[in-house]
């Protein structure tokens, strides 16, 4: 792995985990109150469309990023749809 690949992986990991704090907050609060549906849907469709675009290129750092974001986004959307408060 060369230096550029390491930088790519680090960037992808950091970006992938940007959604983690909100997912944790949604789990703790059992709600995603205050997050706009427009924001969630643009984020979701942006992730899906980008995965479709980059999947044939098999750029693993980017695929990791987008799949991780979809997992965190799924948690946030779940608590938006089914708040437990």
PDB file of N, CA and C in Angstrom:
ATOM      1  N   UNK A   1       0.858  -1.174   0.000  1.00  0.00           N
ATOM      2  CA  UNK A   1       0.000   0.000   0.000  1.00  0.00           C
ATOM      3  C   UNK A   1       0.902   1.235   0.000  1.00  0.00           C
ATOM      4  N   UNK A   2       0.650   2.120  -0.952  1.00  0.00           N
ATOM      5  CA  UNK A   2       1.479   3.325  -1.027  1.00  0.00           C
ATOM      6  C   UNK A   2       0.885   4.448  -0.184  1.00  0.00           C
ATOM      7  N   UNK A   3       1.630   5.545  -0.094  1.00  0.00           N
ATOM      8  CA  UNK A   3       1.203   6.675   0.742  1.00  0.00           C
ATOM      9  C   UNK A   3      -0.141   7.249   0.311  1.00  0.00           C
ATOM     10  N   UNK A   4      -0.379   7.304  -0.978  1.00  0.00           N
ATOM     11  CA  UNK A   4      -1.642   7.854  -1.470  1.00  0.00           C
ATOM     12  C   UNK A   4      -2.818   6.962  -1.082  1.00  0.00           C
ATOM     13  N   UNK A   5      -2.621   5.661  -1.127  1.00  0.00           N
ATOM     14  CA  UNK A   5      -3.682   4.741  -0.702  1.00  0.00           C
ATOM     15  C   UNK A   5      -3.965   4.883   0.795  1.00  0.00           C
ATOM     16  N   UNK A   6      -2.920   5.064   1.577  1.00  0.00           N
ATOM     17  CA  UNK A   6      -3.101   5.259   3.022  1.00  0.00           C
ATOM     18  C   UNK A   6      -3.898   6.533   3.291  1.00  0.00           C
ATOM     19  N   UNK A   7      -3.577   7.590   2.574  1.00  0.00           N
ATOM     20  CA  UNK A   7      -4.317   8.842   2.721  1.00  0.00           C
ATOM     21  C   UNK A   7      -5.775   8.649   2.307  1.00  0.00           C
ATOM     22  N   UNK A   8      -5.995   7.911   1.226  1.00  0.00           N
ATOM     23  CA  UNK A   8      -7.354   7.629   0.774  1.00  0.00           C
ATOM     24  C   UNK A   8      -8.146   6.851   1.807  1.00  0.00           C
ATOM     25  N   UNK A   9      -7.520   5.837   2.397  1.00  0.00           N
ATOM     26  CA  UNK A   9      -8.198   5.060   3.440  1.00  0.00           C
ATOM     27  C   UNK A   9      -8.491   5.903   4.672  1.00  0.00           C
ATOM     28  N   UNK A  10      -7.526   6.709   5.100  1.00  0.00           N
ATOM     29  CA  UNK A  10      -7.744   7.564   6.272  1.00  0.00           C
ATOM     30  C   UNK A  10      -8.892   8.541   6.033  1.00  0.00           C
ATOM     31  N   UNK A  11      -8.897   9.159   4.867  1.00  0.00           N
ATOM     32  CA  UNK A  11      -9.974  10.087   4.532  1.00  0.00           C
ATOM     33  C   UNK A  11     -11.326   9.390   4.490  1.00  0.00           C
ATOM     34  N   UNK A  12     -11.373   8.211   3.892  1.00  0.00           N
ATOM     35  CA  UNK A  12     -12.629   7.474   3.809  1.00  0.00           C
ATOM     36  C   UNK A  12     -13.127   7.041   5.176  1.00  0.00           C
ATOM     37  N   UNK A  13     -12.219   6.610   6.027  1.00  0.00           N
ATOM     38  CA  UNK A  13     -12.612   6.198   7.379  1.00  0.00           C
ATOM     39  C   UNK A  13     -13.155   7.386   8.164  1.00  0.00           C
ATOM     40  N   UNK A  14     -12.453   8.509   8.090  1.00  0.00           N
ATOM     41  CA  UNK A  14     -12.922   9.699   8.810  1.00  0.00           C
ATOM     42  C   UNK A  14     -14.281  10.161   8.304  1.00  0.00           C
ATOM     43  N   UNK A  15     -14.460  10.192   6.998  1.00  0.00           N
ATOM     44  CA  UNK A  15     -15.751  10.598   6.448  1.00  0.00           C
ATOM     45  C   UNK A  15     -16.839   9.578   6.759  1.00  0.00           C
ATOM     46  N   UNK A  16     -16.487   8.307   6.726  1.00  0.00           N
ATOM     47  CA  UNK A  16     -17.470   7.265   7.019  1.00  0.00           C
ATOM     48  C   UNK A  16     -18.015   7.407   8.428  1.00  0.00           C
ATOM     49  N   UNK A  17     -17.159   7.759   9.357  1.00  0.00           N
ATOM     50  CA  UNK A  17     -17.579   7.807  10.749  1.00  0.00           C
ATOM     51  C   UNK A  17     -18.141   9.175  11.164  1.00  0.00           C
ATOM     52  N   UNK A  18     -18.326  10.082  10.210  1.00  0.00           N
ATOM     53  CA  UNK A  18     -18.989  11.354  10.530  1.00  0.00           C
ATOM     54  C   UNK A  18     -20.425  11.119  10.985  1.00  0.00           C
ATOM     55  N   UNK A  19     -21.068  10.086  10.479  1.00  0.00           N
ATOM     56  CA  UNK A  19     -22.442   9.790  10.879  1.00  0.00           C
ATOM     57  C   UNK A  19     -22.548   9.056  12.203  1.00  0.00           C
ATOM     58  N   UNK A  20     -21.448   8.520  12.698  1.00  0.00           N
ATOM     59  CA  UNK A  20     -21.471   7.736  13.935  1.00  0.00           C
ATOM     60  C   UNK A  20     -21.970   8.519  15.143  1.00  0.00           C
ATOM     61  N   UNK A  21     -21.508   9.751  15.392  1.00  0.00           N
ATOM     62  CA  UNK A  21     -22.008  10.468  16.573  1.00  0.00           C
ATOM     63  C   UNK A  21     -23.523  10.655  16.555  1.00  0.00           C
ATOM     64  N   UNK A  22     -24.087  10.957  15.385  1.00  0.00           N
ATOM     65  CA  UNK A  22     -25.538  11.124  15.313  1.00  0.00           C
ATOM     66  C   UNK A  22     -26.255   9.794  15.506  1.00  0.00           C
ATOM     67  N   UNK A  23     -25.694   8.714  14.964  1.00  0.00           N
ATOM     68  CA  UNK A  23     -26.303   7.395  15.161  1.00  0.00           C
ATOM     69  C   UNK A  23     -26.294   7.026  16.647  1.00  0.00           C
ATOM     70  N   UNK A  24     -25.186   7.293  17.321  1.00  0.00           N
ATOM     71  CA  UNK A  24     -25.100   7.024  18.762  1.00  0.00           C
ATOM     72  C   UNK A  24     -26.116   7.869  19.524  1.00  0.00           C
ATOM     73  N   UNK A  25     -26.232   9.137  19.159  1.00  0.00           N
ATOM     74  CA  UNK A  25     -27.195  10.015  19.826  1.00  0.00           C
ATOM     75  C   UNK A  25     -28.624   9.514  19.601  1.00  0.00           C
ATOM     76  N   UNK A  26     -28.910   9.052  18.393  1.00  0.00           N
ATOM     77  CA  UNK A  26     -30.247   8.520  18.104  1.00  0.00           C
ATOM     78  C   UNK A  26     -30.527   7.269  18.931  1.00  0.00           C
ATOM     79  N   UNK A  27     -29.535   6.417  19.087  1.00  0.00           N
ATOM     80  CA  UNK A  27     -29.699   5.208  19.899  1.00  0.00           C
ATOM     81  C   UNK A  27     -29.921   5.585  21.359  1.00  0.00           C
ATOM     82  N   UNK A  28     -29.116   6.479  21.877  1.00  0.00           N
ATOM     83  CA  UNK A  28     -29.243   6.882  23.292  1.00  0.00           C
ATOM     84  C   UNK A  28     -30.582   7.559  23.569  1.00  0.00           C
ATOM     85  N   UNK A  29     -30.998   8.456  22.655  1.00  0.00           N
ATOM     86  CA  UNK A  29     -32.253   9.182  22.838  1.00  0.00           C
ATOM     87  C   UNK A  29     -33.465   8.374  22.383  1.00  0.00           C
ATOM     88  N   UNK A  30     -33.175   7.278  21.658  1.00  0.00           N
ATOM     89  CA  UNK A  30     -34.225   6.463  21.055  1.00  0.00           C
ATOM     90  C   UNK A  30     -35.120   7.302  20.137  1.00  0.00           C
ATOM     91  N   UNK A  31     -34.522   8.297  19.532  1.00  0.00           N
ATOM     92  CA  UNK A  31     -35.232   9.202  18.639  1.00  0.00           C
ATOM     93  C   UNK A  31     -34.211   9.962  17.787  1.00  0.00           C
ATOM     94  N   UNK A  32     -34.663  10.354  16.606  1.00  0.00           N
ATOM     95  CA  UNK A  32     -33.847  11.222  15.749  1.00  0.00           C
ATOM     96  C   UNK A  32     -34.553  12.553  15.569  1.00  0.00           C
ATOM     97  N   UNK A  33     -35.172  13.007  16.638  1.00  0.00           N
ATOM     98  CA  UNK A  33     -35.898  14.273  16.619  1.00  0.00           C
ATOM     99  C   UNK A  33     -34.948  15.413  16.249  1.00  0.00           C
ATOM    100  N   UNK A  34     -35.450  16.304  15.422  1.00  0.00           N
ATOM    101  CA  UNK A  34     -34.678  17.485  15.063  1.00  0.00           C
ATOM    102  C   UNK A  34     -33.885  17.352  13.778  1.00  0.00           C
ATOM    103  N   UNK A  35     -33.853  16.169  13.203  1.00  0.00           N
ATOM    104  CA  UNK A  35     -33.150  15.977  11.934  1.00  0.00           C
ATOM    105  C   UNK A  35     -34.194  16.023  10.826  1.00  0.00           C
ATOM    106  N   UNK A  36     -34.018  16.908   9.880  1.00  0.00           N
ATOM    107  CA  UNK A  36     -35.006  17.098   8.821  1.00  0.00           C
ATOM    108  C   UNK A  36     -35.031  15.912   7.860  1.00  0.00           C
ATOM    109  N   UNK A  37     -36.246  15.533   7.457  1.00  0.00           N
ATOM    110  CA  UNK A  37     -36.394  14.453   6.481  1.00  0.00           C
ATOM    111  C   UNK A  37     -35.677  14.781   5.175  1.00  0.00           C
ATOM    112  N   UNK A  38     -35.733  16.031   4.757  1.00  0.00           N
ATOM    113  CA  UNK A  38     -35.050  16.412   3.522  1.00  0.00           C
ATOM    114  C   UNK A  38     -33.570  16.105   3.579  1.00  0.00           C
ATOM    115  N   UNK A  39     -32.961  16.395   4.702  1.00  0.00           N
ATOM    116  CA  UNK A  39     -31.540  16.126   4.886  1.00  0.00           C
ATOM    117  C   UNK A  39     -31.262  14.626   4.854  1.00  0.00           C
ATOM    118  N   UNK A  40     -32.088  13.861   5.553  1.00  0.00           N
ATOM    119  CA  UNK A  40     -31.883  12.406   5.599  1.00  0.00           C
ATOM    120  C   UNK A  40     -32.058  11.778   4.221  1.00  0.00           C
ATOM    121  N   UNK A  41     -33.073  12.196   3.496  1.00  0.00           N
ATOM    122  CA  UNK A  41     -33.322  11.604   2.180  1.00  0.00           C
ATOM    123  C   UNK A  41     -32.267  11.995   1.156  1.00  0.00           C
ATOM    124  N   UNK A  42     -31.805  13.257   1.194  1.00  0.00           N
ATOM    125  CA  UNK A  42     -30.718  13.644   0.286  1.00  0.00           C
ATOM    126  C   UNK A  42     -29.450  12.871   0.607  1.00  0.00           C
ATOM    127  N   UNK A  43     -29.161  12.695   1.898  1.00  0.00           N
ATOM    128  CA  UNK A  43     -27.990  11.920   2.315  1.00  0.00           C
ATOM    129  C   UNK A  43     -28.117  10.484   1.820  1.00  0.00           C
ATOM    130  N   UNK A  44     -29.285   9.855   2.038  1.00  0.00           N
ATOM    131  CA  UNK A  44     -29.497   8.464   1.640  1.00  0.00           C
ATOM    132  C   UNK A  44     -29.343   8.280   0.133  1.00  0.00           C
ATOM    133  N   UNK A  45     -30.047   9.091  -0.638  1.00  0.00           N
ATOM    134  CA  UNK A  45     -29.970   8.928  -2.093  1.00  0.00           C
ATOM    135  C   UNK A  45     -28.595   9.303  -2.627  1.00  0.00           C
ATOM    136  N   UNK A  46     -27.933  10.259  -2.026  1.00  0.00           N
ATOM    137  CA  UNK A  46     -26.564  10.582  -2.414  1.00  0.00           C
ATOM    138  C   UNK A  46     -25.635   9.397  -2.203  1.00  0.00           C
ATOM    139  N   UNK A  47     -25.781   8.717  -1.078  1.00  0.00           N
ATOM    140  CA  UNK A  47     -24.962   7.535  -0.801  1.00  0.00           C
ATOM    141  C   UNK A  47     -25.252   6.420  -1.808  1.00  0.00           C
ATOM    142  N   UNK A  48     -26.528   6.151  -2.042  1.00  0.00           N
ATOM    143  CA  UNK A  48     -26.909   5.065  -2.955  1.00  0.00           C
ATOM    144  C   UNK A  48     -26.428   5.343  -4.371  1.00  0.00           C
ATOM    145  N   UNK A  49     -26.674   6.545  -4.872  1.00  0.00           N
ATOM    146  CA  UNK A  49     -26.261   6.870  -6.234  1.00  0.00           C
ATOM    147  C   UNK A  49     -24.746   6.824  -6.385  1.00  0.00           C
ATOM    148  N   UNK A  50     -24.028   7.276  -5.371  1.00  0.00           N
ATOM    149  CA  UNK A  50     -22.569   7.257  -5.452  1.00  0.00           C
ATOM    150  C   UNK A  50     -22.031   5.836  -5.406  1.00  0.00           C
ATOM    151  N   UNK A  51     -22.639   4.969  -4.595  1.00  0.00           N
ATOM    152  CA  UNK A  51     -22.215   3.562  -4.586  1.00  0.00           C
ATOM    153  C   UNK A  51     -22.418   2.945  -5.963  1.00  0.00           C
ATOM    154  N   UNK A  52     -23.555   3.217  -6.581  1.00  0.00           N
ATOM    155  CA  UNK A  52     -23.814   2.685  -7.921  1.00  0.00           C
ATOM    156  C   UNK A  52     -22.754   3.174  -8.898  1.00  0.00           C
ATOM    157  N   UNK A  53     -22.359   4.421  -8.766  1.00  0.00           N
ATOM    158  CA  UNK A  53     -21.360   4.998  -9.666  1.00  0.00           C
ATOM    159  C   UNK A  53     -19.974   4.400  -9.453  1.00  0.00           C
ATOM    160  N   UNK A  54     -19.555   4.237  -8.204  1.00  0.00           N
ATOM    161  CA  UNK A  54     -18.176   3.795  -7.958  1.00  0.00           C
ATOM    162  C   UNK A  54     -18.028   2.282  -7.863  1.00  0.00           C
ATOM    163  N   UNK A  55     -19.123   1.541  -7.726  1.00  0.00           N
ATOM    164  CA  UNK A  55     -19.018   0.093  -7.547  1.00  0.00           C
ATOM    165  C   UNK A  55     -18.245  -0.595  -8.676  1.00  0.00           C
ATOM    166  N   UNK A  56     -18.511  -0.273  -9.942  1.00  0.00           N
ATOM    167  CA  UNK A  56     -17.741  -0.941 -11.007  1.00  0.00           C
ATOM    168  C   UNK A  56     -16.236  -0.675 -10.929  1.00  0.00           C
ATOM    169  N   UNK A  57     -15.840   0.431 -10.328  1.00  0.00           N
ATOM    170  CA  UNK A  57     -14.427   0.768 -10.232  1.00  0.00           C
ATOM    171  C   UNK A  57     -13.748   0.072  -9.052  1.00  0.00           C
ATOM    172  N   UNK A  58     -14.568  -0.486  -8.142  1.00  0.00           N
ATOM    173  CA  UNK A  58     -14.077  -1.214  -6.964  1.00  0.00           C
ATOM    174  C   UNK A  58     -13.026  -0.413  -6.189  1.00  0.00           C
ATOM    175  N   UNK A  59     -13.340   0.825  -5.916  1.00  0.00           N
ATOM    176  CA  UNK A  59     -12.469   1.659  -5.091  1.00  0.00           C
ATOM    177  C   UNK A  59     -12.834   1.386  -3.633  1.00  0.00           C
ATOM    178  N   UNK A  60     -12.101   0.473  -3.033  1.00  0.00           N
ATOM    179  CA  UNK A  60     -12.452  -0.036  -1.707  1.00  0.00           C
ATOM    180  C   UNK A  60     -12.557   1.032  -0.610  1.00  0.00           C
ATOM    181  N   UNK A  61     -11.677   2.010  -0.561  1.00  0.00           N
ATOM    182  CA  UNK A  61     -11.853   3.037   0.477  1.00  0.00           C
ATOM    183  C   UNK A  61     -13.190   3.766   0.349  1.00  0.00           C
ATOM    184  N   UNK A  62     -13.578   4.087  -0.876  1.00  0.00           N
ATOM    185  CA  UNK A  62     -14.839   4.789  -1.078  1.00  0.00           C
ATOM    186  C   UNK A  62     -16.027   3.876  -0.810  1.00  0.00           C
ATOM    187  N   UNK A  63     -15.943   2.625  -1.234  1.00  0.00           N
ATOM    188  CA  UNK A  63     -17.032   1.689  -0.949  1.00  0.00           C
ATOM    189  C   UNK A  63     -17.222   1.521   0.556  1.00  0.00           C
ATOM    190  N   UNK A  64     -16.126   1.401   1.299  1.00  0.00           N
ATOM    191  CA  UNK A  64     -16.217   1.316   2.757  1.00  0.00           C
ATOM    192  C   UNK A  64     -16.929   2.540   3.315  1.00  0.00           C
ATOM    193  N   UNK A  65     -16.530   3.706   2.848  1.00  0.00           N
ATOM    194  CA  UNK A  65     -17.115   4.964   3.303  1.00  0.00           C
ATOM    195  C   UNK A  65     -18.622   4.956   3.097  1.00  0.00           C
ATOM    196  N   UNK A  66     -19.066   4.664   1.895  1.00  0.00           N
ATOM    197  CA  UNK A  66     -20.486   4.770   1.587  1.00  0.00           C
ATOM    198  C   UNK A  66     -21.306   3.678   2.263  1.00  0.00           C
ATOM    199  N   UNK A  67     -20.780   2.473   2.354  1.00  0.00           N
ATOM    200  CA  UNK A  67     -21.522   1.416   3.048  1.00  0.00           C
ATOM    201  C   UNK A  67     -21.627   1.715   4.546  1.00  0.00           C
ATOM    202  N   UNK A  68     -20.565   2.215   5.150  1.00  0.00           N
ATOM    203  CA  UNK A  68     -20.617   2.575   6.571  1.00  0.00           C
ATOM    204  C   UNK A  68     -21.632   3.691   6.801  1.00  0.00           C
ATOM    205  N   UNK A  69     -21.636   4.680   5.915  1.00  0.00           N
ATOM    206  CA  UNK A  69     -22.607   5.773   6.037  1.00  0.00           C
ATOM    207  C   UNK A  69     -24.035   5.267   5.925  1.00  0.00           C
ATOM    208  N   UNK A  70     -24.278   4.310   5.055  1.00  0.00           N
ATOM    209  CA  UNK A  70     -25.631   3.764   4.923  1.00  0.00           C
ATOM    210  C   UNK A  70     -26.044   3.037   6.200  1.00  0.00           C
ATOM    211  N   UNK A  71     -25.115   2.344   6.845  1.00  0.00           N
ATOM    212  CA  UNK A  71     -25.434   1.686   8.113  1.00  0.00           C
ATOM    213  C   UNK A  71     -25.816   2.720   9.168  1.00  0.00           C
ATOM    214  N   UNK A  72     -24.997   3.745   9.330  1.00  0.00           N
ATOM    215  CA  UNK A  72     -25.293   4.780  10.321  1.00  0.00           C
ATOM    216  C   UNK A  72     -26.586   5.514   9.969  1.00  0.00           C
ATOM    217  N   UNK A  73     -26.774   5.791   8.701  1.00  0.00           N
ATOM    218  CA  UNK A  73     -27.984   6.471   8.249  1.00  0.00           C
ATOM    219  C   UNK A  73     -29.212   5.605   8.500  1.00  0.00           C
ATOM    220  N   UNK A  74     -29.068   4.301   8.313  1.00  0.00           N
ATOM    221  CA  UNK A  74     -30.175   3.383   8.596  1.00  0.00           C
ATOM    222  C   UNK A  74     -30.611   3.458  10.052  1.00  0.00           C
ATOM    223  N   UNK A  75     -29.654   3.554  10.950  1.00  0.00           N
ATOM    224  CA  UNK A  75     -29.967   3.683  12.382  1.00  0.00           C
ATOM    225  C   UNK A  75     -30.705   4.989  12.638  1.00  0.00           C
ATOM    226  N   UNK A  76     -30.210   6.063  12.063  1.00  0.00           N
ATOM    227  CA  UNK A  76     -30.827   7.374  12.270  1.00  0.00           C
ATOM    228  C   UNK A  76     -32.255   7.384  11.716  1.00  0.00           C
ATOM    229  N   UNK A  77     -32.453   6.846  10.521  1.00  0.00           N
ATOM    230  CA  UNK A  77     -33.787   6.807   9.913  1.00  0.00           C
ATOM    231  C   UNK A  77     -34.721   5.909  10.719  1.00  0.00           C
ATOM    232  N   UNK A  78     -34.219   4.798  11.216  1.00  0.00           N
ATOM    233  CA  UNK A  78     -35.048   3.912  12.043  1.00  0.00           C
ATOM    234  C   UNK A  78     -35.637   4.674  13.228  1.00  0.00           C
ATOM    235  N   UNK A  79     -34.781   5.406  13.932  1.00  0.00           N
ATOM    236  CA  UNK A  79     -35.263   6.156  15.093  1.00  0.00           C
ATOM    237  C   UNK A  79     -36.070   7.390  14.698  1.00  0.00           C
ATOM    238  N   UNK A  80     -35.944   7.838  13.455  1.00  0.00           N
ATOM    239  CA  UNK A  80     -36.819   8.913  12.962  1.00  0.00           C
ATOM    240  C   UNK A  80     -38.222   8.351  12.710  1.00  0.00           C
ATOM    241  N   UNK A  81     -38.269   7.145  12.158  1.00  0.00           N
ATOM    242  CA  UNK A  81     -39.555   6.500  11.868  1.00  0.00           C
ATOM    243  C   UNK A  81     -40.223   5.934  13.118  1.00  0.00           C
ATOM    244  N   UNK A  82     -39.421   5.366  14.016  1.00  0.00           N
ATOM    245  CA  UNK A  82     -39.946   4.673  15.195  1.00  0.00           C
ATOM    246  C   UNK A  82     -39.328   5.196  16.492  1.00  0.00           C
ATOM    247  N   UNK A  83     -39.615   6.462  16.834  1.00  0.00           N
ATOM    248  CA  UNK A  83     -39.048   6.979  18.078  1.00  0.00           C
ATOM    249  C   UNK A  83     -39.619   6.223  19.281  1.00  0.00           C
ATOM    250  N   UNK A  84     -38.809   6.040  20.299  1.00  0.00           N
ATOM    251  CA  UNK A  84     -39.214   5.282  21.479  1.00  0.00           C
ATOM    252  C   UNK A  84     -39.483   6.173  22.675  1.00  0.00           C
ATOM    253  N   UNK A  85     -39.513   7.474  22.465  1.00  0.00           N
ATOM    254  CA  UNK A  85     -39.712   8.392  23.593  1.00  0.00           C
ATOM    255  C   UNK A  85     -41.159   8.623  23.884  1.00  0.00           C
TER     256      UNK A  85
END
